[in-house]
Protein backbone atom coordinates (compact mmCIF):
# COMPACT_ATOMS: atom_id res chain seq x y z
CA MET A 1 25.43 -19.17 -16.78
CA ARG A 2 25.22 -17.47 -13.17
CA ARG A 3 25.14 -19.68 -10.52
CA VAL A 4 22.35 -18.53 -8.06
CA LEU A 5 21.79 -19.56 -3.96
CA LEU A 6 18.36 -18.66 -2.36
CA ILE A 7 18.41 -17.78 0.98
CA GLY A 8 14.90 -18.43 2.78
CA SER A 9 12.36 -20.90 1.72
CA GLY A 10 9.14 -19.08 3.09
CA GLU A 11 6.08 -17.46 1.11
CA VAL A 12 8.88 -15.04 -0.49
CA GLY A 13 11.70 -17.38 -0.76
CA ALA A 14 9.14 -19.74 -2.83
CA LYS A 15 8.33 -16.90 -5.40
CA HIS A 16 11.42 -16.37 -5.92
CA ALA A 17 12.82 -20.08 -6.07
CA GLU A 18 9.80 -20.50 -9.15
CA ALA A 19 11.13 -17.49 -10.97
CA LEU A 20 14.80 -18.50 -11.25
CA MET A 21 14.16 -21.69 -11.96
CA ARG A 22 12.16 -20.26 -15.08
CA THR A 23 14.68 -17.11 -16.11
CA ASP A 24 17.41 -17.77 -18.98
CA GLY A 25 21.00 -17.45 -17.54
CA LEU A 26 20.43 -18.22 -14.13
CA ALA A 27 20.85 -21.45 -12.39
CA LEU A 28 19.47 -22.08 -8.88
CA VAL A 29 22.32 -24.36 -7.67
CA ALA A 30 21.07 -24.37 -3.52
CA VAL A 31 18.43 -23.06 -1.18
CA ALA A 32 19.62 -22.59 2.32
CA ASP A 33 17.04 -22.54 5.29
CA PRO A 34 16.81 -23.97 8.26
CA ALA A 35 13.39 -24.31 8.53
CA PRO A 36 11.76 -24.14 5.39
CA ALA A 37 7.88 -23.45 5.06
CA VAL A 38 8.39 -24.50 1.21
CA ALA A 39 10.35 -27.38 -0.28
CA PRO A 40 12.71 -26.16 -2.77
CA PRO A 41 12.02 -27.00 -6.81
CA ALA A 42 12.95 -30.45 -7.26
CA GLY A 43 16.83 -31.31 -7.55
CA VAL A 44 17.64 -28.12 -6.07
CA PRO A 45 19.49 -29.30 -2.54
CA LEU A 46 18.37 -27.62 0.59
CA LEU A 47 21.06 -26.75 3.09
CA GLU A 48 20.08 -25.84 6.85
CA ARG A 49 22.94 -23.53 7.25
CA TRP A 50 23.61 -20.57 4.91
CA ALA A 51 27.25 -20.25 6.05
CA ASP A 52 27.84 -23.75 4.54
CA ALA A 53 25.82 -23.14 1.34
CA LEU A 54 27.69 -19.91 0.83
CA SER A 55 31.07 -21.72 1.27
CA GLY A 56 29.96 -24.93 -0.57
CA PHE A 57 28.55 -23.60 -3.72
CA GLY A 58 30.54 -20.50 -4.45
CA PRO A 59 27.28 -18.52 -5.79
CA ASP A 60 27.82 -15.77 -8.41
CA VAL A 61 24.60 -13.76 -6.97
CA VAL A 62 22.87 -14.58 -3.75
CA VAL A 63 19.03 -13.78 -2.85
CA VAL A 64 18.23 -13.14 0.19
CA ALA A 65 14.50 -13.61 1.20
CA THR A 66 14.67 -14.07 5.57
CA PRO A 67 12.84 -11.96 7.80
CA PRO A 68 14.62 -8.42 8.59
CA GLY A 69 16.17 -9.77 11.88
CA VAL A 70 18.93 -11.70 9.80
CA ALA A 71 18.74 -10.29 6.29
CA LEU A 72 21.06 -7.55 6.57
CA ASP A 73 23.95 -9.99 8.22
CA VAL A 74 23.06 -12.89 5.77
CA ALA A 75 23.48 -10.21 2.86
CA ARG A 76 26.73 -8.56 3.95
CA THR A 77 28.54 -12.12 4.82
CA ALA A 78 27.57 -12.99 1.11
CA ALA A 79 28.98 -9.88 -0.37
CA ARG A 80 32.09 -10.60 1.53
CA GLY A 81 32.33 -13.39 -0.27
CA GLY A 82 32.39 -11.93 -3.37
CA ALA A 83 28.64 -12.45 -4.80
CA THR A 84 26.38 -10.00 -6.41
CA VAL A 85 23.70 -9.88 -3.33
CA LEU A 86 20.05 -9.13 -3.75
CA VAL A 87 17.99 -8.12 -0.87
CA GLU A 88 13.92 -8.37 0.07
CA LYS A 89 12.41 -6.02 1.38
CA PRO A 90 12.47 -4.24 4.22
CA VAL A 91 16.14 -5.86 4.95
CA THR A 92 16.43 -4.04 8.58
CA VAL A 93 13.71 -2.19 10.08
CA ASP A 94 16.72 -0.20 11.74
CA GLU A 95 17.74 2.32 9.38
CA ALA A 96 21.11 3.02 11.92
CA ALA A 97 21.87 -0.25 10.70
CA LEU A 98 22.48 0.70 7.23
CA ALA A 99 25.29 2.72 8.13
CA PRO A 100 28.19 2.35 5.64
CA SER A 101 29.80 -1.03 5.38
CA ALA A 102 32.43 -2.04 2.85
CA GLU A 103 30.61 -5.08 1.96
CA ASP A 104 27.37 -2.66 0.79
CA ALA A 105 28.83 -2.27 -2.63
CA ARG A 106 27.75 -5.38 -3.57
CA ILE A 107 24.08 -5.46 -2.11
CA PHE A 108 21.23 -3.97 -4.45
CA VAL A 109 17.82 -3.50 -3.74
CA ALA A 110 15.19 -4.13 -6.41
CA PHE A 111 11.04 -4.20 -5.99
CA GLN A 112 10.02 -6.07 -8.86
CA PRO A 113 7.12 -3.79 -9.29
CA HIS A 114 9.60 -0.86 -10.40
CA PHE A 115 9.87 -2.89 -13.63
CA ALA A 116 6.33 -2.21 -14.81
CA PRO A 117 5.91 -0.30 -17.96
CA GLY A 118 7.25 3.04 -17.49
CA LEU A 119 8.71 2.92 -14.34
CA PRO A 120 12.24 2.40 -15.64
CA GLU A 121 12.38 5.51 -17.61
CA LEU A 122 10.54 7.57 -15.05
CA LEU A 123 13.30 6.94 -12.40
CA ALA A 124 16.04 7.32 -15.12
CA ARG A 125 14.81 10.96 -15.68
CA ARG A 126 13.61 11.90 -12.35
CA PRO A 127 10.74 14.58 -13.08
CA ALA A 128 10.42 17.47 -10.64
CA VAL A 129 7.88 15.84 -8.13
CA ARG A 130 5.98 18.17 -5.43
CA ARG A 131 3.50 16.01 -3.97
CA ALA A 132 3.49 11.91 -3.67
CA GLU A 133 0.64 10.01 -2.85
CA VAL A 134 0.99 6.21 -2.04
CA THR A 135 -2.24 4.12 -1.60
CA LEU A 136 -2.51 0.48 -0.75
CA VAL A 137 -5.68 -1.33 -0.40
CA CYS A 138 -5.70 -4.93 0.72
CA ARG A 139 -7.03 -7.80 3.14
CA ARG A 140 -4.66 -9.72 5.01
CA ASP A 141 -5.92 -12.43 7.47
CA ARG A 142 -4.67 -13.34 10.86
CA ALA A 143 -2.37 -16.46 9.68
CA TYR A 144 -0.03 -13.69 7.66
CA TYR A 145 0.77 -12.37 11.03
CA ARG A 146 1.91 -15.50 12.46
CA GLY A 147 5.63 -15.49 13.82
CA TRP A 148 8.18 -13.02 13.03
CA ARG A 149 5.59 -10.70 11.56
CA THR A 150 3.67 -10.51 14.79
CA ARG A 151 5.70 -7.59 16.49
CA TYR A 152 6.69 -4.33 14.86
CA ALA A 153 10.14 -5.05 16.15
CA THR A 154 10.86 -7.73 14.21
CA ALA A 155 8.52 -7.08 11.09
CA GLY A 156 8.43 -3.56 10.97
CA GLY A 157 4.41 -2.81 10.52
CA VAL A 158 2.21 -2.14 7.35
CA LEU A 159 4.92 0.23 5.81
CA HIS A 160 7.65 -1.97 5.66
CA GLN A 161 6.13 -5.13 4.87
CA GLN A 162 2.97 -4.23 2.39
CA ALA A 163 3.44 -0.41 1.44
CA ILE A 164 7.11 -0.10 0.87
CA HIS A 165 7.17 -0.96 -2.62
CA GLY A 166 5.17 2.12 -3.25
CA LEU A 167 6.84 4.27 -0.81
CA ALA A 168 10.43 3.71 -1.89
CA LEU A 169 9.47 4.68 -5.47
CA ALA A 170 7.82 7.92 -4.38
CA LEU A 171 10.78 8.59 -2.01
CA ARG A 172 13.16 7.99 -4.85
CA LEU A 173 11.64 10.30 -6.80
CA LEU A 174 10.76 13.01 -4.28
CA PRO A 175 13.91 15.41 -3.33
CA ALA A 176 16.02 13.85 -0.47
CA THR A 177 15.59 16.60 2.02
CA ALA A 178 14.64 16.43 5.63
CA ILE A 179 11.13 15.94 7.08
CA ALA A 180 10.00 19.21 8.13
CA SER A 181 6.63 18.04 9.83
CA CYS A 182 4.67 14.46 10.15
CA THR A 183 1.34 13.47 11.30
CA THR A 184 0.19 9.91 11.23
CA ASP A 185 -3.08 8.07 12.40
CA VAL A 186 -2.64 4.38 13.10
CA HIS A 187 -6.15 2.07 13.27
CA ARG A 188 -5.99 -1.64 15.31
CA VAL A 189 -9.27 -2.44 15.13
CA ARG A 190 -8.49 -6.08 15.13
CA GLN A 191 -6.02 -5.93 18.02
CA TRP A 192 -3.90 -8.62 16.62
CA ALA A 193 -0.48 -8.04 18.62
CA GLU A 194 1.36 -4.93 17.17
CA SER A 195 -0.30 -5.04 13.31
CA GLU A 196 -2.31 -2.20 12.13
CA ASP A 197 -5.56 -2.18 9.91
CA ARG A 198 -5.01 1.00 8.68
CA ILE A 199 -2.06 3.77 8.39
CA THR A 200 -2.37 7.41 7.21
CA ALA A 201 0.15 9.71 7.19
CA THR A 202 1.10 13.10 5.84
CA ALA A 203 4.88 14.12 5.80
CA THR A 204 5.82 17.53 4.87
CA PHE A 205 9.54 17.92 3.61
CA ALA A 206 11.99 21.34 4.01
CA ASP A 207 11.64 22.22 0.58
CA GLY A 208 7.78 22.19 0.74
CA THR A 209 7.33 18.76 -0.96
CA VAL A 210 4.68 16.41 0.45
CA LEU A 211 4.43 12.77 0.72
CA THR A 212 0.96 11.22 1.85
CA VAL A 213 0.18 7.81 2.65
CA ASP A 214 -3.23 5.92 3.21
CA ALA A 215 -2.37 1.96 3.54
CA ARG A 216 -5.43 -0.71 4.55
CA VAL A 217 -4.71 -4.16 4.94
CA ASP A 218 -8.22 -5.05 6.48
CA SER A 219 -10.11 -3.94 3.30
CA HIS A 220 -12.93 -5.75 1.27
CA GLU A 221 -12.50 -3.31 -1.37
CA GLU A 222 -10.49 -4.41 -4.48
CA ARG A 223 -7.01 -4.74 -3.94
CA ARG A 224 -4.62 -2.06 -5.34
CA HIS A 225 -1.44 -0.58 -4.69
CA GLU A 226 -0.98 3.02 -6.56
CA VAL A 227 1.00 5.81 -6.47
CA THR A 228 -0.02 9.25 -7.61
CA LEU A 229 2.44 11.68 -8.76
CA HIS A 230 1.96 15.61 -9.02
CA LEU A 231 4.45 17.39 -10.74
CA ASP A 232 5.79 20.69 -10.50
CA ASP A 233 4.68 21.40 -13.94
CA GLY A 234 1.04 20.77 -13.03
CA GLN A 235 1.19 17.15 -14.58
CA ARG A 236 -0.33 14.16 -12.88
CA LEU A 237 1.22 10.89 -13.24
CA ARG A 238 -0.48 7.60 -11.91
CA ILE A 239 1.28 4.66 -11.33
CA ARG A 240 -1.50 1.71 -10.89
CA GLY A 241 -2.39 -1.98 -10.48
CA ARG A 242 -2.58 -4.68 -7.74
CA ASN A 243 1.13 -3.90 -7.10
CA LEU A 244 2.13 -1.33 -9.22
CA GLU A 245 2.52 -3.82 -12.24
CA ALA A 246 0.60 -1.75 -14.80
CA GLY A 247 3.27 0.93 -14.11
CA LEU A 248 2.10 4.00 -16.02
CA GLY A 249 0.93 1.64 -18.87
CA ASP A 250 -2.37 -0.35 -20.19
CA SER A 251 -3.79 -2.18 -16.88
CA LEU A 252 -4.98 -4.69 -19.37
CA ALA A 253 -1.53 -5.58 -20.72
CA ALA A 254 0.41 -5.16 -17.20
CA PRO A 255 2.97 -8.04 -16.87
CA GLY A 256 3.00 -10.73 -14.45
CA ASP A 257 4.76 -10.97 -11.26
CA LEU A 258 7.35 -13.60 -12.96
CA GLN A 259 7.92 -11.39 -15.87
CA LEU A 260 8.66 -8.60 -13.30
CA ARG A 261 10.81 -10.89 -11.28
CA GLN A 262 12.92 -11.80 -14.24
CA ALA A 263 13.70 -8.44 -15.22
CA MET A 264 14.73 -7.75 -11.97
CA TYR A 265 16.77 -10.96 -11.73
CA ARG A 266 18.49 -9.80 -15.11
CA ALA A 267 18.98 -5.86 -13.91
CA LEU A 268 21.54 -7.10 -11.37
CA PRO A 269 24.95 -5.57 -12.16
CA THR A 270 27.29 -8.55 -13.11
CA GLY A 271 30.58 -6.60 -12.29
CA GLY A 272 30.33 -7.30 -8.51
CA THR A 273 31.51 -3.52 -7.36
CA SER A 274 29.88 -2.17 -10.21
CA SER A 275 27.27 0.65 -9.89
CA PRO A 276 23.43 -0.59 -10.74
CA ALA A 277 23.03 -0.61 -14.64
CA HIS A 278 19.41 -0.26 -14.65
CA PRO A 279 17.44 2.52 -13.01
CA SER A 280 15.27 0.37 -11.07
CA VAL A 281 18.10 -1.21 -9.28
CA PHE A 282 19.48 0.37 -6.42
CA PRO A 283 22.32 0.25 -3.78
CA LEU A 284 21.46 -0.56 -0.31
CA SER A 285 22.71 3.11 1.00
CA GLU A 286 19.75 4.44 -0.91
CA LEU A 287 17.07 2.20 1.27
CA ARG A 288 18.49 4.37 4.24
CA ARG A 289 15.61 7.35 3.25
CA THR A 290 13.03 4.89 3.13
CA LEU A 291 13.82 3.61 6.26
CA GLU A 292 14.27 6.73 7.96
CA VAL A 293 10.75 8.45 6.80
CA ILE A 294 8.92 5.03 7.52
CA ASP A 295 10.62 5.52 11.00
CA ARG A 296 9.65 8.81 11.38
CA VAL A 297 6.15 8.20 10.18
CA TYR A 298 5.58 5.71 13.01
CA ARG A 299 7.10 7.91 15.90
CA THR A 300 4.84 10.48 15.08
CA ALA A 301 1.67 7.95 15.08
CA ARG A 302 -1.25 8.35 17.38
CA THR A 303 -3.71 5.11 17.77
CA VAL A 304 -7.34 5.78 16.65
CA SER A 305 -9.91 3.34 18.33
CA GLU A 306 -12.66 1.58 16.59
CA ALA A 307 -14.83 4.23 17.70
CA GLY A 308 -12.71 6.97 15.94
CA THR A 309 -11.30 8.51 19.05
CA ALA A 310 -7.21 9.00 19.38
CA ALA A 311 -5.35 7.35 22.22
């Protein structure tokens, strides 16, 4: 039985807590959060200081579900103590902060939608992809952007918060070459601090491969988060779902969030510094490319007003 400490008890932390409690082979021993938005499950102790929880419980696994301003420090401290660490996205909005550190060998990144049908096999064989299209359609109300999500500097924006599942998947499959050019339009219709309502971008890489993004968080259309891959052999693969969860399979048979989270936990390495044994789990160092691309997209952005003129 692996002892798990959950750090962070907000909206995302609560989802982890529920799934951890229902996963065989794992025991949620404590939750740490100085100001929990959601109470931990009955019988699970709540500690104010994550450092006290680490020293007091000596967990085998630590799940970090805190805002990006503190997540990386928490993860590296937990890894330094010998735990295997799973970090929630986006960990940090500063790709330079992911400069290699000795503790990083124990820190792993995983997105539960990447465990959808067909995706582990796709990541394992890495087909030659010449173009990837990431599409996100959802609606977030004003309450979502309260607190730490209000500003780009602390939350990262739509690409870090919502579209990162599809972006990280696409960028793991595209060749890791430099960005040759990038164009971006950002729409801020509702004017909620720095939060975008829509962002569209096209990034062309040095080898001619292309990544496009169309992420809308002020839409009344049916929710979906999809990735379309155009392969060198002419084949097109469409990864579908509200949040990729149908994968390459039948939408009607798509697994639920609980099943995907349980698969994610079970895939975590047990050897501390061992390499990921599952293709949908990747080391912290690989997240840097996703953050580099997102940063370039935002740095090339022009803001488009409601009337459609660039500012």
